[in-house]
Amino acid sequence: MKKNIQGVQSIAPMEGDKKPLDPVQEEYEKGKEALEKGELAEAAVLFHNVLMAHEEKGDENGVANACNQLGHVCLKRQDFKKALDNYKRAWEICDKGDDPMSLLALQKQFVLVYCGLKQYDKAVDTCLDLLDQYSGNNDPAGGVATLEQLAEVYVEQGETEKAADSYRTIASIHANFSHKNIAKGFQDKADKLQAAG
């Protein structure tokens, strides 16, 4: 006797199994969608409402998440001062809650904000702090991404020699992992910058 067996891909939750989202969480998700679509005004309103709801409840994690998202909206609007204010508020909560992963993510945002504000020294300092953390965590991929961002900050700042050094460091890291083509690409970037500078 042959039994029909349902394929794994056809298994889906039953209609009654889906819990409706909390209204505040639903608004948060709609805000993220609006932000992704570039509908910044709508995203700002939604995240502001979420922030107010979390403040009323005294939910600090919710406040931090809403502030982080509002920071993203302000960054896309190139309102760097407000972005910094929102990210700093999220930072205070994450720092108090001892949340190193969120702090790391926020530091990356600070680099973008400081560049937007043309506060290049702060952007460089933040990148160097990130590099220390990635090195301490033995995370070469995070270190390389940060070095690339650091090189871009140096280029914006007009420090082509320092940018070239950053690209050379990236090239040597890739060479250590036998990524010859990638290493050559970064070495070429360094050489072009040095030739132009």
Protein backbone atom coordinates (compact mmCIF):
# COMPACT_ATOMS: atom_id res chain seq x y z
CA MET A 1 0.00 0.00 0.00
CA LYS A 2 1.52 3.29 -1.19
CA LYS A 3 1.06 6.43 0.91
CA ASN A 4 1.24 9.93 -0.50
CA ILE A 5 3.88 11.89 1.39
CA GLN A 6 3.73 15.66 1.47
CA GLY A 7 6.87 17.40 0.20
CA VAL A 8 8.77 19.53 2.74
CA GLN A 9 8.48 22.68 0.60
CA SER A 10 4.69 22.44 0.64
CA ILE A 11 4.46 22.51 4.43
CA ALA A 12 3.22 25.88 5.63
CA PRO A 13 1.81 27.13 8.91
CA MET A 14 -1.93 26.74 9.28
CA GLU A 15 -3.94 29.93 9.09
CA GLY A 16 -4.67 29.89 12.81
CA ASP A 17 -0.97 29.45 13.72
CA LYS A 18 0.07 32.94 12.69
CA LYS A 19 0.07 35.35 15.59
CA PRO A 20 -0.96 38.87 14.68
CA LEU A 21 1.88 41.35 15.13
CA ASP A 22 1.75 43.73 18.05
CA PRO A 23 0.52 47.08 16.58
CA VAL A 24 3.77 48.85 17.53
CA GLN A 25 5.86 46.07 15.97
CA GLU A 26 3.66 46.21 12.87
CA GLU A 27 4.30 49.95 12.59
CA TYR A 28 8.04 49.32 13.04
CA GLU A 29 8.01 46.76 10.20
CA LYS A 30 6.08 49.18 7.96
CA GLY A 31 8.68 51.83 8.78
CA LYS A 32 11.50 49.51 7.71
CA GLU A 33 9.68 48.79 4.44
CA ALA A 34 9.15 52.51 3.80
CA LEU A 35 12.83 53.19 4.52
CA GLU A 36 13.89 50.46 2.07
CA LYS A 37 11.64 51.96 -0.61
CA GLY A 38 13.09 55.43 0.01
CA GLU A 39 9.78 56.77 1.37
CA LEU A 40 11.62 58.77 4.02
CA ALA A 41 8.79 61.01 5.24
CA GLU A 42 6.52 58.02 5.83
CA ALA A 43 9.34 56.08 7.51
CA ALA A 44 10.10 59.01 9.80
CA VAL A 45 6.46 59.28 10.91
CA LEU A 46 6.16 55.53 11.52
CA PHE A 47 9.42 55.32 13.51
CA HIS A 48 8.50 58.43 15.50
CA ASN A 49 5.19 56.79 16.48
CA VAL A 50 7.06 53.62 17.46
CA LEU A 51 9.49 55.69 19.53
CA MET A 52 6.64 57.43 21.37
CA ALA A 53 4.93 54.07 22.09
CA HIS A 54 8.13 52.57 23.50
CA GLU A 55 8.82 55.67 25.58
CA GLU A 56 5.32 55.43 27.08
CA LYS A 57 5.90 51.76 27.96
CA GLY A 58 9.40 52.45 29.29
CA ASP A 59 10.82 49.88 26.84
CA GLU A 60 14.44 50.97 26.46
CA ASN A 61 15.30 48.33 23.84
CA GLY A 62 12.36 49.48 21.75
CA VAL A 63 13.50 53.11 22.16
CA ALA A 64 17.03 52.14 21.04
CA ASN A 65 15.71 50.32 17.95
CA ALA A 66 13.42 53.22 17.00
CA CYS A 67 16.23 55.76 17.48
CA ASN A 68 18.54 53.63 15.36
CA GLN A 69 15.98 53.51 12.54
CA LEU A 70 15.31 57.25 12.84
CA GLY A 71 19.08 57.71 12.55
CA HIS A 72 19.00 55.77 9.28
CA VAL A 73 16.18 57.98 7.97
CA CYS A 74 18.07 61.16 8.90
CA LEU A 75 21.26 59.81 7.33
CA LYS A 76 19.43 59.16 4.04
CA ARG A 77 18.01 62.69 4.23
CA GLN A 78 21.56 63.93 4.84
CA ASP A 79 20.42 65.52 8.10
CA PHE A 80 23.64 64.44 9.78
CA LYS A 81 23.11 66.36 13.03
CA LYS A 82 19.75 64.68 13.72
CA ALA A 83 21.18 61.31 12.64
CA LEU A 84 23.97 61.75 15.18
CA ASP A 85 21.49 62.68 17.92
CA ASN A 86 19.40 59.57 17.25
CA TYR A 87 22.40 57.24 17.03
CA LYS A 88 23.85 58.70 20.26
CA ARG A 89 20.59 58.05 22.10
CA ALA A 90 20.59 54.45 20.85
CA TRP A 91 24.28 54.20 21.85
CA GLU A 92 23.57 55.26 25.45
CA ILE A 93 20.92 52.56 25.84
CA CYS A 94 23.03 49.83 24.19
CA ASP A 95 26.07 50.84 26.23
CA LYS A 96 24.06 50.69 29.46
CA GLY A 97 22.67 47.30 28.39
CA ASP A 98 26.16 46.02 27.56
CA ASP A 99 25.26 45.12 23.95
CA PRO A 100 28.61 45.02 22.09
CA MET A 101 27.17 43.92 18.73
CA SER A 102 24.75 46.85 18.60
CA LEU A 103 27.53 49.22 19.66
CA LEU A 104 29.70 47.91 16.82
CA ALA A 105 26.88 48.48 14.31
CA LEU A 106 26.32 51.99 15.66
CA GLN A 107 30.01 52.84 15.36
CA LYS A 108 29.83 52.07 11.63
CA GLN A 109 26.95 54.55 11.37
CA PHE A 110 28.95 57.15 13.31
CA VAL A 111 31.68 56.98 10.64
CA LEU A 112 29.11 57.86 7.95
CA VAL A 113 27.66 60.68 10.05
CA TYR A 114 31.08 62.16 10.87
CA CYS A 115 31.99 62.12 7.18
CA GLY A 116 28.70 63.86 6.37
CA LEU A 117 29.53 66.50 9.00
CA LYS A 118 33.08 66.73 7.57
CA GLN A 119 34.43 65.76 11.01
CA TYR A 120 37.06 63.55 9.45
CA ASP A 121 39.24 63.24 12.57
CA LYS A 122 36.29 61.71 14.46
CA ALA A 123 35.55 59.40 11.51
CA VAL A 124 39.19 58.24 11.45
CA ASP A 125 39.25 57.73 15.25
CA THR A 126 36.06 55.67 15.05
CA CYS A 127 37.49 53.54 12.23
CA LEU A 128 40.67 52.93 14.23
CA ASP A 129 38.59 51.93 17.26
CA LEU A 130 36.62 49.51 15.06
CA LEU A 131 39.88 48.06 13.72
CA ASP A 132 41.06 47.39 17.29
CA GLN A 133 37.81 45.58 18.05
CA TYR A 134 37.92 43.47 14.88
CA SER A 135 41.54 42.61 15.57
CA GLY A 136 40.68 41.63 19.15
CA ASN A 137 37.84 39.44 17.86
CA ASN A 138 40.12 37.90 15.20
CA ASP A 139 37.72 39.10 12.48
CA PRO A 140 39.77 39.84 9.34
CA ALA A 141 36.65 40.42 7.20
CA GLY A 142 35.42 43.16 9.56
CA GLY A 143 38.91 44.62 9.65
CA VAL A 144 39.17 44.72 5.85
CA ALA A 145 35.74 46.37 5.51
CA THR A 146 36.79 48.99 8.06
CA LEU A 147 40.13 49.60 6.35
CA GLU A 148 38.25 50.15 3.09
CA GLN A 149 35.97 52.66 4.82
CA LEU A 150 39.02 54.30 6.40
CA ALA A 151 40.63 54.65 2.97
CA GLU A 152 37.46 56.36 1.69
CA VAL A 153 37.54 58.77 4.65
CA TYR A 154 41.18 59.59 3.89
CA VAL A 155 40.33 60.20 0.21
CA GLU A 156 37.49 62.55 1.20
CA GLN A 157 39.88 64.30 3.56
CA GLY A 158 42.50 64.67 0.81
CA GLU A 159 44.97 62.36 2.59
CA THR A 160 45.83 60.23 -0.45
CA GLU A 161 49.05 58.79 1.03
CA LYS A 162 47.17 57.47 4.08
CA ALA A 163 44.40 56.12 1.82
CA ALA A 164 47.03 54.32 -0.29
CA ASP A 165 48.54 52.83 2.89
CA SER A 166 45.10 51.54 3.90
CA TYR A 167 44.62 49.90 0.49
CA ARG A 168 48.11 48.35 0.72
CA THR A 169 47.22 46.91 4.13
CA ILE A 170 44.03 45.41 2.67
CA ALA A 171 46.08 43.97 -0.21
CA SER A 172 48.52 42.32 2.22
CA ILE A 173 45.67 40.81 4.27
CA HIS A 174 44.14 39.33 1.12
CA ALA A 175 47.57 38.10 0.01
CA ASN A 176 47.96 36.30 3.37
CA PHE A 177 44.73 34.41 2.60
CA SER A 178 45.93 33.65 -0.97
CA HIS A 179 43.32 35.95 -2.53
CA LYS A 180 45.80 37.03 -5.22
CA ASN A 181 43.39 38.76 -7.61
CA ILE A 182 41.66 40.72 -4.84
CA ALA A 183 45.03 41.66 -3.34
CA LYS A 184 46.22 42.90 -6.74
CA GLY A 185 43.06 44.99 -7.13
CA PHE A 186 43.71 46.80 -3.85
CA GLN A 187 47.41 47.19 -4.62
CA ASP A 188 46.40 48.79 -7.96
CA LYS A 189 44.08 51.18 -6.11
CA ALA A 190 46.97 52.15 -3.82
CA ASP A 191 49.31 52.68 -6.78
CA LYS A 192 46.75 54.84 -8.62
CA LEU A 193 46.20 57.00 -5.55
CA GLN A 194 49.92 57.42 -5.02
CA ALA A 195 50.44 58.34 -8.67
CA ALA A 196 47.60 60.88 -8.52
CA GLY A 197 48.73 62.31 -5.16
